[in-house]
Amino acid sequence: KTYVMDELVATYKGYTASVYMVVTQTTPAITIQAPGSLKGLTEVALRAIANNRDITEHVEWSIEFNGPGSWHSETPGVYKVDEMAPQAFVFIRASWDSVVIGVLEGHLLLALPLLDIPDVPLSVAAIEGGTGLAY
């Protein structure tokens, strides 16, 4: 299994807060690719790549942690944004049973609302015990 996922819930004096945890146990075998520009989109055509092959039509797409949005009913890999959702992100997972190797998995974390986020850090800072990156 590639991931262990869980939601931690803390309650204090009637207030509740959640934190979602994703622990990667092995390197994901599927890479999920999004278009180069996301700004203003209401649907995102995602691609699932494994071993340099496009397996988009073969994977099972899921939205984890009861996240917002839905899947296009006729086109595999097309995520439909819920523009009224209060969540700040959606965690998307793709899995495919290759039969020979077993189940391959991959994930993508999309910030909401959809924006173009640079792939390179905006700043690097020394912190106790390591280096911190700001995106």
C-alpha atoms as a PDB file:
ATOM      1  CA  LYS A   1       0.000   0.000   0.000  1.00  0.00           C
ATOM      2  CA  THR A   2       1.417   3.353  -1.059  1.00  0.00           C
ATOM      3  CA  TYR A   3      -0.352   5.532   1.511  1.00  0.00           C
ATOM      4  CA  VAL A   4      -1.767   5.563   5.003  1.00  0.00           C
ATOM      5  CA  MET A   5      -4.349   8.332   5.300  1.00  0.00           C
ATOM      6  CA  ASP A   6      -6.176   9.533   8.372  1.00  0.00           C
ATOM      7  CA  GLU A   7      -8.068  12.479   9.800  1.00  0.00           C
ATOM      8  CA  LEU A   8      -7.201  13.682  13.279  1.00  0.00           C
ATOM      9  CA  VAL A   9      -9.984  15.569  15.051  1.00  0.00           C
ATOM     10  CA  ALA A  10      -9.481  17.718  18.142  1.00  0.00           C
ATOM     11  CA  THR A  11     -12.368  19.129  20.165  1.00  0.00           C
ATOM     12  CA  TYR A  12     -12.121  21.763  22.901  1.00  0.00           C
ATOM     13  CA  LYS A  13     -14.950  23.687  24.556  1.00  0.00           C
ATOM     14  CA  GLY A  14     -17.330  23.043  21.701  1.00  0.00           C
ATOM     15  CA  TYR A  15     -14.828  23.889  18.947  1.00  0.00           C
ATOM     16  CA  THR A  16     -13.598  21.241  16.543  1.00  0.00           C
ATOM     17  CA  ALA A  17     -10.599  21.268  14.237  1.00  0.00           C
ATOM     18  CA  SER A  18      -9.389  18.625  11.786  1.00  0.00           C
ATOM     19  CA  VAL A  19      -5.991  17.799  10.366  1.00  0.00           C
ATOM     20  CA  TYR A  20      -5.548  15.380   7.501  1.00  0.00           C
ATOM     21  CA  MET A  21      -2.453  13.206   7.402  1.00  0.00           C
ATOM     22  CA  VAL A  22      -1.029  11.333   4.431  1.00  0.00           C
ATOM     23  CA  VAL A  23       1.990   9.139   5.081  1.00  0.00           C
ATOM     24  CA  THR A  24       3.758   7.819   2.018  1.00  0.00           C
ATOM     25  CA  GLN A  25       5.031   4.276   2.590  1.00  0.00           C
ATOM     26  CA  THR A  26       6.463   3.741  -0.896  1.00  0.00           C
ATOM     27  CA  THR A  27       7.179   5.977  -3.868  1.00  0.00           C
ATOM     28  CA  PRO A  28       3.937   6.538  -5.810  1.00  0.00           C
ATOM     29  CA  ALA A  29       4.038   4.661  -9.133  1.00  0.00           C
ATOM     30  CA  ILE A  30       1.450   6.918 -10.773  1.00  0.00           C
ATOM     31  CA  THR A  31       2.112  10.576 -11.522  1.00  0.00           C
ATOM     32  CA  ILE A  32      -0.985  12.735 -11.861  1.00  0.00           C
ATOM     33  CA  GLN A  33      -0.481  15.644 -14.238  1.00  0.00           C
ATOM     34  CA  ALA A  34      -2.619  18.787 -14.365  1.00  0.00           C
ATOM     35  CA  PRO A  35      -2.691  21.422 -17.121  1.00  0.00           C
ATOM     36  CA  GLY A  36       0.003  24.097 -17.021  1.00  0.00           C
ATOM     37  CA  SER A  37      -2.494  26.800 -16.094  1.00  0.00           C
ATOM     38  CA  LEU A  38      -5.341  26.231 -13.625  1.00  0.00           C
ATOM     39  CA  LYS A  39      -6.434  29.796 -12.928  1.00  0.00           C
ATOM     40  CA  GLY A  40     -10.161  30.293 -13.503  1.00  0.00           C
ATOM     41  CA  LEU A  41     -10.917  26.708 -14.538  1.00  0.00           C
ATOM     42  CA  THR A  42     -14.083  24.987 -13.328  1.00  0.00           C
ATOM     43  CA  GLU A  43     -13.023  21.601 -14.708  1.00  0.00           C
ATOM     44  CA  VAL A  44      -9.531  20.117 -14.767  1.00  0.00           C
ATOM     45  CA  ALA A  45      -8.520  17.347 -17.168  1.00  0.00           C
ATOM     46  CA  LEU A  46      -6.010  15.264 -15.197  1.00  0.00           C
ATOM     47  CA  ARG A  47      -3.709  12.642 -16.677  1.00  0.00           C
ATOM     48  CA  ALA A  48      -2.403   9.546 -14.906  1.00  0.00           C
ATOM     49  CA  ILE A  49       1.054   8.428 -16.042  1.00  0.00           C
ATOM     50  CA  ALA A  50       2.804   5.176 -15.068  1.00  0.00           C
ATOM     51  CA  ASN A  51       5.979   3.844 -16.672  1.00  0.00           C
ATOM     52  CA  ASN A  52       5.792   6.673 -19.252  1.00  0.00           C
ATOM     53  CA  ARG A  53       2.325   5.452 -20.345  1.00  0.00           C
ATOM     54  CA  ASP A  54      -0.910   7.415 -20.154  1.00  0.00           C
ATOM     55  CA  ILE A  55      -3.260   5.207 -18.104  1.00  0.00           C
ATOM     56  CA  THR A  56      -5.873   7.910 -17.435  1.00  0.00           C
ATOM     57  CA  GLU A  57      -8.763   5.802 -18.740  1.00  0.00           C
ATOM     58  CA  HIS A  58      -7.765   2.773 -16.667  1.00  0.00           C
ATOM     59  CA  VAL A  59      -7.348   4.233 -13.199  1.00  0.00           C
ATOM     60  CA  GLU A  60      -9.948   4.562 -10.477  1.00  0.00           C
ATOM     61  CA  TRP A  61     -10.151   8.254  -9.544  1.00  0.00           C
ATOM     62  CA  SER A  62     -11.125   9.277  -6.021  1.00  0.00           C
ATOM     63  CA  ILE A  63     -11.488  12.423  -3.953  1.00  0.00           C
ATOM     64  CA  GLU A  64     -10.202  11.694  -0.459  1.00  0.00           C
ATOM     65  CA  PHE A  65     -11.191  13.116   2.953  1.00  0.00           C
ATOM     66  CA  ASN A  66     -14.733  13.924   1.748  1.00  0.00           C
ATOM     67  CA  GLY A  67     -13.203  16.683  -0.341  1.00  0.00           C
ATOM     68  CA  PRO A  68     -15.136  19.042  -2.576  1.00  0.00           C
ATOM     69  CA  GLY A  69     -15.932  18.553  -6.234  1.00  0.00           C
ATOM     70  CA  SER A  70     -16.895  15.606  -8.393  1.00  0.00           C
ATOM     71  CA  TRP A  71     -15.871  13.639 -11.455  1.00  0.00           C
ATOM     72  CA  HIS A  72     -17.165  14.158 -14.974  1.00  0.00           C
ATOM     73  CA  SER A  73     -19.511  11.247 -15.635  1.00  0.00           C
ATOM     74  CA  GLU A  74     -18.350  10.555 -19.197  1.00  0.00           C
ATOM     75  CA  THR A  75     -14.698  11.596 -19.329  1.00  0.00           C
ATOM     76  CA  PRO A  76     -12.172   9.805 -17.066  1.00  0.00           C
ATOM     77  CA  GLY A  77      -9.889  12.078 -15.062  1.00  0.00           C
ATOM     78  CA  VAL A  78     -11.910  15.282 -15.410  1.00  0.00           C
ATOM     79  CA  TYR A  79     -12.318  16.864 -11.966  1.00  0.00           C
ATOM     80  CA  LYS A  80     -15.234  19.298 -11.601  1.00  0.00           C
ATOM     81  CA  VAL A  81     -14.595  22.081  -9.085  1.00  0.00           C
ATOM     82  CA  ASP A  82     -17.245  22.878  -6.475  1.00  0.00           C
ATOM     83  CA  GLU A  83     -16.955  26.660  -6.561  1.00  0.00           C
ATOM     84  CA  MET A  84     -19.072  27.086  -3.402  1.00  0.00           C
ATOM     85  CA  ALA A  85     -17.013  24.673  -1.257  1.00  0.00           C
ATOM     86  CA  PRO A  86     -15.306  26.174   1.802  1.00  0.00           C
ATOM     87  CA  GLN A  87     -12.323  23.773   1.662  1.00  0.00           C
ATOM     88  CA  ALA A  88      -8.901  25.151   0.775  1.00  0.00           C
ATOM     89  CA  PHE A  89      -7.725  22.014  -1.029  1.00  0.00           C
ATOM     90  CA  VAL A  90      -8.726  18.742  -2.623  1.00  0.00           C
ATOM     91  CA  PHE A  91      -6.664  15.552  -2.326  1.00  0.00           C
ATOM     92  CA  ILE A  92      -7.063  13.468  -5.483  1.00  0.00           C
ATOM     93  CA  ARG A  93      -5.931   9.863  -5.705  1.00  0.00           C
ATOM     94  CA  ALA A  94      -5.595   7.534  -8.674  1.00  0.00           C
ATOM     95  CA  SER A  95      -5.223   3.773  -8.333  1.00  0.00           C
ATOM     96  CA  TRP A  96      -4.877   1.026 -10.907  1.00  0.00           C
ATOM     97  CA  ASP A  97      -4.602  -2.730 -10.472  1.00  0.00           C
ATOM     98  CA  SER A  98      -1.957  -3.668 -13.011  1.00  0.00           C
ATOM     99  CA  VAL A  99      -2.612  -7.380 -12.344  1.00  0.00           C
ATOM    100  CA  VAL A 100       1.073  -8.211 -12.935  1.00  0.00           C
ATOM    101  CA  ILE A 101       2.688  -5.793 -10.448  1.00  0.00           C
ATOM    102  CA  GLY A 102      -0.304  -5.146  -8.207  1.00  0.00           C
ATOM    103  CA  VAL A 103      -2.081  -1.918  -7.313  1.00  0.00           C
ATOM    104  CA  LEU A 104      -0.310   1.264  -8.376  1.00  0.00           C
ATOM    105  CA  GLU A 105      -1.252   4.583  -6.758  1.00  0.00           C
ATOM    106  CA  GLY A 106      -0.577   8.276  -7.134  1.00  0.00           C
ATOM    107  CA  HIS A 107      -1.926  11.542  -5.768  1.00  0.00           C
ATOM    108  CA  LEU A 108      -2.319  15.231  -6.456  1.00  0.00           C
ATOM    109  CA  LEU A 109      -3.067  18.014  -3.993  1.00  0.00           C
ATOM    110  CA  LEU A 110      -4.888  20.931  -5.609  1.00  0.00           C
ATOM    111  CA  ALA A 111      -5.224  24.247  -3.818  1.00  0.00           C
ATOM    112  CA  LEU A 112      -8.700  25.784  -4.021  1.00  0.00           C
ATOM    113  CA  PRO A 113      -9.765  28.016  -5.582  1.00  0.00           C
ATOM    114  CA  LEU A 114      -7.692  26.897  -8.533  1.00  0.00           C
ATOM    115  CA  LEU A 115      -4.688  29.156  -9.015  1.00  0.00           C
ATOM    116  CA  ASP A 116      -1.380  28.946 -10.798  1.00  0.00           C
ATOM    117  CA  ILE A 117       1.238  28.076  -8.158  1.00  0.00           C
ATOM    118  CA  PRO A 118       4.935  28.154  -9.097  1.00  0.00           C
ATOM    119  CA  ASP A 119       6.850  24.883  -9.004  1.00  0.00           C
ATOM    120  CA  VAL A 120       9.922  26.547  -7.535  1.00  0.00           C
ATOM    121  CA  PRO A 121      10.268  27.869  -3.995  1.00  0.00           C
ATOM    122  CA  LEU A 122       9.809  31.606  -3.593  1.00  0.00           C
ATOM    123  CA  SER A 123      12.255  31.650  -0.704  1.00  0.00           C
ATOM    124  CA  VAL A 124      14.564  29.391   1.244  1.00  0.00           C
ATOM    125  CA  ALA A 125      15.232  29.967   4.927  1.00  0.00           C
ATOM    126  CA  ALA A 126      17.459  28.230   7.437  1.00  0.00           C
ATOM    127  CA  ILE A 127      15.452  26.805  10.318  1.00  0.00           C
ATOM    128  CA  GLU A 128      16.465  24.751  13.295  1.00  0.00           C
ATOM    129  CA  GLY A 129      17.340  21.277  12.075  1.00  0.00           C
ATOM    130  CA  GLY A 130      17.122  21.995   8.346  1.00  0.00           C
ATOM    131  CA  THR A 131      15.918  24.222   5.581  1.00  0.00           C
ATOM    132  CA  GLY A 132      12.408  25.613   5.113  1.00  0.00           C
ATOM    133  CA  LEU A 133      10.904  26.291   1.696  1.00  0.00           C
ATOM    134  CA  ALA A 134       8.141  28.814   1.069  1.00  0.00           C
ATOM    135  CA  TYR A 135       6.029  28.324  -2.069  1.00  0.00           C
END
